[in-house]
Amino acid sequence: EVQLMESGGGLVQLGGSLKLSCVASGFAISGTRMFWLRQAPGKGLESVAYIDPFALTPYYADSVKGRFTISRDKNTLYLQMNSLKTEDTGVYFCARDAGGSVRGQGTQVTVAS
């Protein structure tokens, strides 16, 4: 059974940092493109970063480029988030597809000004 479980969210001050984790089971994340998606209050899902199995350069949305870093180790996906802004507030999901049809339950990130 495919399962994804995110953790690491929380309340952080403007300019702070958080590191999100996503533990996968039932498949190997190294063999597929993996995404971090987020859903801001009242908005739809947005792809903020993804990493391909053999790509050297992960993808980042313009809004997070230079501040967020996606990585993986064994079967865990990570998202290091630095210099957080209030607009980064939302629920963050790891997913196997950009539409989020296979995703975890999400972890809340709240950036306070």
C-alpha atoms as a PDB file:
ATOM      1  CA  GLU A   1       0.000   0.000   0.000  1.00  0.00           C
ATOM      2  CA  VAL A   2       1.345   3.412  -0.985  1.00  0.00           C
ATOM      3  CA  GLN A   3       1.546   5.807   1.945  1.00  0.00           C
ATOM      4  CA  LEU A   4       3.040   9.256   2.387  1.00  0.00           C
ATOM      5  CA  MET A   5       3.336  10.911   5.779  1.00  0.00           C
ATOM      6  CA  GLU A   6       4.463  14.512   6.199  1.00  0.00           C
ATOM      7  CA  SER A   7       5.782  16.129   9.348  1.00  0.00           C
ATOM      8  CA  GLY A   8       7.757  19.151  10.459  1.00  0.00           C
ATOM      9  CA  GLY A   9       5.250  21.933  10.017  1.00  0.00           C
ATOM     10  CA  GLY A  10       4.446  24.490  12.644  1.00  0.00           C
ATOM     11  CA  LEU A  11       4.275  28.158  13.545  1.00  0.00           C
ATOM     12  CA  VAL A  12       7.353  30.184  12.644  1.00  0.00           C
ATOM     13  CA  GLN A  13       8.195  33.863  12.636  1.00  0.00           C
ATOM     14  CA  LEU A  14       8.745  35.841   9.456  1.00  0.00           C
ATOM     15  CA  GLY A  15      12.203  35.069   8.128  1.00  0.00           C
ATOM     16  CA  GLY A  16      12.474  31.809  10.016  1.00  0.00           C
ATOM     17  CA  SER A  17      13.135  28.297   8.812  1.00  0.00           C
ATOM     18  CA  LEU A  18      11.447  24.919   8.866  1.00  0.00           C
ATOM     19  CA  LYS A  19      12.360  21.525   7.482  1.00  0.00           C
ATOM     20  CA  LEU A  20       9.535  19.303   6.307  1.00  0.00           C
ATOM     21  CA  SER A  21       9.864  15.536   6.010  1.00  0.00           C
ATOM     22  CA  CYS A  22       7.785  13.003   4.117  1.00  0.00           C
ATOM     23  CA  VAL A  23       8.220   9.318   4.815  1.00  0.00           C
ATOM     24  CA  ALA A  24       7.088   7.106   1.968  1.00  0.00           C
ATOM     25  CA  SER A  25       6.144   3.454   2.083  1.00  0.00           C
ATOM     26  CA  GLY A  26       4.909   1.015  -0.520  1.00  0.00           C
ATOM     27  CA  PHE A  27       7.163   2.342  -3.278  1.00  0.00           C
ATOM     28  CA  ALA A  28      10.644   3.781  -3.783  1.00  0.00           C
ATOM     29  CA  ILE A  29      10.722   7.558  -4.090  1.00  0.00           C
ATOM     30  CA  SER A  30      14.064   7.347  -5.875  1.00  0.00           C
ATOM     31  CA  GLY A  31      12.321   5.838  -8.879  1.00  0.00           C
ATOM     32  CA  THR A  32       9.757   8.539  -9.530  1.00  0.00           C
ATOM     33  CA  ARG A  33       9.326  12.291  -9.677  1.00  0.00           C
ATOM     34  CA  MET A  34       8.319  13.534  -6.238  1.00  0.00           C
ATOM     35  CA  PHE A  35       6.594  16.802  -5.472  1.00  0.00           C
ATOM     36  CA  TRP A  36       6.047  19.177  -2.615  1.00  0.00           C
ATOM     37  CA  LEU A  37       2.692  20.876  -3.063  1.00  0.00           C
ATOM     38  CA  ARG A  38       1.078  23.516  -0.916  1.00  0.00           C
ATOM     39  CA  GLN A  39      -2.412  24.835  -0.465  1.00  0.00           C
ATOM     40  CA  ALA A  40      -2.734  28.361   0.838  1.00  0.00           C
ATOM     41  CA  PRO A  41      -5.934  29.345   2.623  1.00  0.00           C
ATOM     42  CA  GLY A  42      -8.756  29.605   0.106  1.00  0.00           C
ATOM     43  CA  LYS A  43      -6.568  28.577  -2.831  1.00  0.00           C
ATOM     44  CA  GLY A  44      -5.864  25.466  -4.863  1.00  0.00           C
ATOM     45  CA  LEU A  45      -2.865  23.185  -4.829  1.00  0.00           C
ATOM     46  CA  GLU A  46       0.396  24.703  -6.023  1.00  0.00           C
ATOM     47  CA  SER A  47       3.539  22.820  -6.940  1.00  0.00           C
ATOM     48  CA  VAL A  48       6.435  24.435  -5.089  1.00  0.00           C
ATOM     49  CA  ALA A  49       9.190  21.940  -5.912  1.00  0.00           C
ATOM     50  CA  TYR A  50       9.861  18.569  -7.447  1.00  0.00           C
ATOM     51  CA  ILE A  51      12.797  16.257  -7.866  1.00  0.00           C
ATOM     52  CA  ASP A  52      13.319  13.679 -10.603  1.00  0.00           C
ATOM     53  CA  PRO A  53      15.000  10.303 -10.120  1.00  0.00           C
ATOM     54  CA  PHE A  54      18.219  11.232 -11.892  1.00  0.00           C
ATOM     55  CA  ALA A  55      17.905  14.976 -12.415  1.00  0.00           C
ATOM     56  CA  LEU A  56      20.717  17.169 -11.213  1.00  0.00           C
ATOM     57  CA  THR A  57      18.555  20.269 -11.018  1.00  0.00           C
ATOM     58  CA  PRO A  58      15.301  20.108  -9.075  1.00  0.00           C
ATOM     59  CA  TYR A  59      12.420  22.367 -10.092  1.00  0.00           C
ATOM     60  CA  TYR A  60      11.283  25.261  -7.903  1.00  0.00           C
ATOM     61  CA  ALA A  61       8.390  27.639  -8.304  1.00  0.00           C
ATOM     62  CA  ASP A  62       9.576  31.209  -8.795  1.00  0.00           C
ATOM     63  CA  SER A  63       7.978  32.176  -5.495  1.00  0.00           C
ATOM     64  CA  VAL A  64      10.307  29.872  -3.514  1.00  0.00           C
ATOM     65  CA  LYS A  65      13.442  29.768  -5.669  1.00  0.00           C
ATOM     66  CA  GLY A  66      16.551  30.495  -3.652  1.00  0.00           C
ATOM     67  CA  ARG A  67      14.752  29.908  -0.341  1.00  0.00           C
ATOM     68  CA  PHE A  68      13.527  26.298  -0.501  1.00  0.00           C
ATOM     69  CA  THR A  69      15.553  23.152  -1.120  1.00  0.00           C
ATOM     70  CA  ILE A  70      14.076  19.769  -1.983  1.00  0.00           C
ATOM     71  CA  SER A  71      16.075  16.638  -1.285  1.00  0.00           C
ATOM     72  CA  ARG A  72      15.655  12.963  -0.529  1.00  0.00           C
ATOM     73  CA  ASP A  73      17.464  10.343   1.493  1.00  0.00           C
ATOM     74  CA  LYS A  74      16.516   6.703   1.323  1.00  0.00           C
ATOM     75  CA  ASN A  75      12.713   6.779   1.269  1.00  0.00           C
ATOM     76  CA  THR A  76      12.213  10.171   2.867  1.00  0.00           C
ATOM     77  CA  LEU A  77      11.594  13.405   0.972  1.00  0.00           C
ATOM     78  CA  TYR A  78      12.593  16.708   2.539  1.00  0.00           C
ATOM     79  CA  LEU A  79      11.835  20.373   2.019  1.00  0.00           C
ATOM     80  CA  GLN A  80      14.157  22.854   3.714  1.00  0.00           C
ATOM     81  CA  MET A  81      12.425  26.215   3.873  1.00  0.00           C
ATOM     82  CA  ASN A  82      14.425  29.328   4.746  1.00  0.00           C
ATOM     83  CA  SER A  83      13.600  33.036   4.829  1.00  0.00           C
ATOM     84  CA  LEU A  84       9.936  32.201   5.225  1.00  0.00           C
ATOM     85  CA  LYS A  85       7.349  34.757   4.192  1.00  0.00           C
ATOM     86  CA  THR A  86       3.737  35.144   5.268  1.00  0.00           C
ATOM     87  CA  GLU A  87       2.667  34.023   1.804  1.00  0.00           C
ATOM     88  CA  ASP A  88       4.329  30.663   2.451  1.00  0.00           C
ATOM     89  CA  THR A  89       1.547  29.885   4.927  1.00  0.00           C
ATOM     90  CA  GLY A  90      -0.474  26.845   3.968  1.00  0.00           C
ATOM     91  CA  VAL A  91      -0.769  23.098   4.146  1.00  0.00           C
ATOM     92  CA  TYR A  92       2.190  21.313   2.579  1.00  0.00           C
ATOM     93  CA  PHE A  93       1.839  17.913   0.959  1.00  0.00           C
ATOM     94  CA  CYS A  94       4.296  15.542  -0.578  1.00  0.00           C
ATOM     95  CA  ALA A  95       2.919  13.830  -3.647  1.00  0.00           C
ATOM     96  CA  ARG A  96       3.717  11.480  -6.502  1.00  0.00           C
ATOM     97  CA  ASP A  97       2.005  13.718  -9.035  1.00  0.00           C
ATOM     98  CA  ALA A  98       1.470  17.417  -9.579  1.00  0.00           C
ATOM     99  CA  GLY A  99      -2.260  17.090  -9.120  1.00  0.00           C
ATOM    100  CA  GLY A 100      -1.854  15.578  -5.704  1.00  0.00           C
ATOM    101  CA  SER A 101      -3.990  12.533  -6.399  1.00  0.00           C
ATOM    102  CA  VAL A 102      -1.484  10.471  -4.403  1.00  0.00           C
ATOM    103  CA  ARG A 103      -0.417  12.560  -1.441  1.00  0.00           C
ATOM    104  CA  GLY A 104      -0.122  12.521   2.301  1.00  0.00           C
ATOM    105  CA  GLN A 105      -2.375  14.145   4.857  1.00  0.00           C
ATOM    106  CA  GLY A 106      -0.328  17.333   4.843  1.00  0.00           C
ATOM    107  CA  THR A 107       1.442  19.412   7.448  1.00  0.00           C
ATOM    108  CA  GLN A 108       0.444  22.963   8.360  1.00  0.00           C
ATOM    109  CA  VAL A 109       2.972  25.771   8.014  1.00  0.00           C
ATOM    110  CA  THR A 110       2.050  29.143   9.466  1.00  0.00           C
ATOM    111  CA  VAL A 111       4.359  32.119   9.092  1.00  0.00           C
ATOM    112  CA  ALA A 112       3.594  34.926  11.513  1.00  0.00           C
ATOM    113  CA  SER A 113       4.543  38.520  10.813  1.00  0.00           C
END
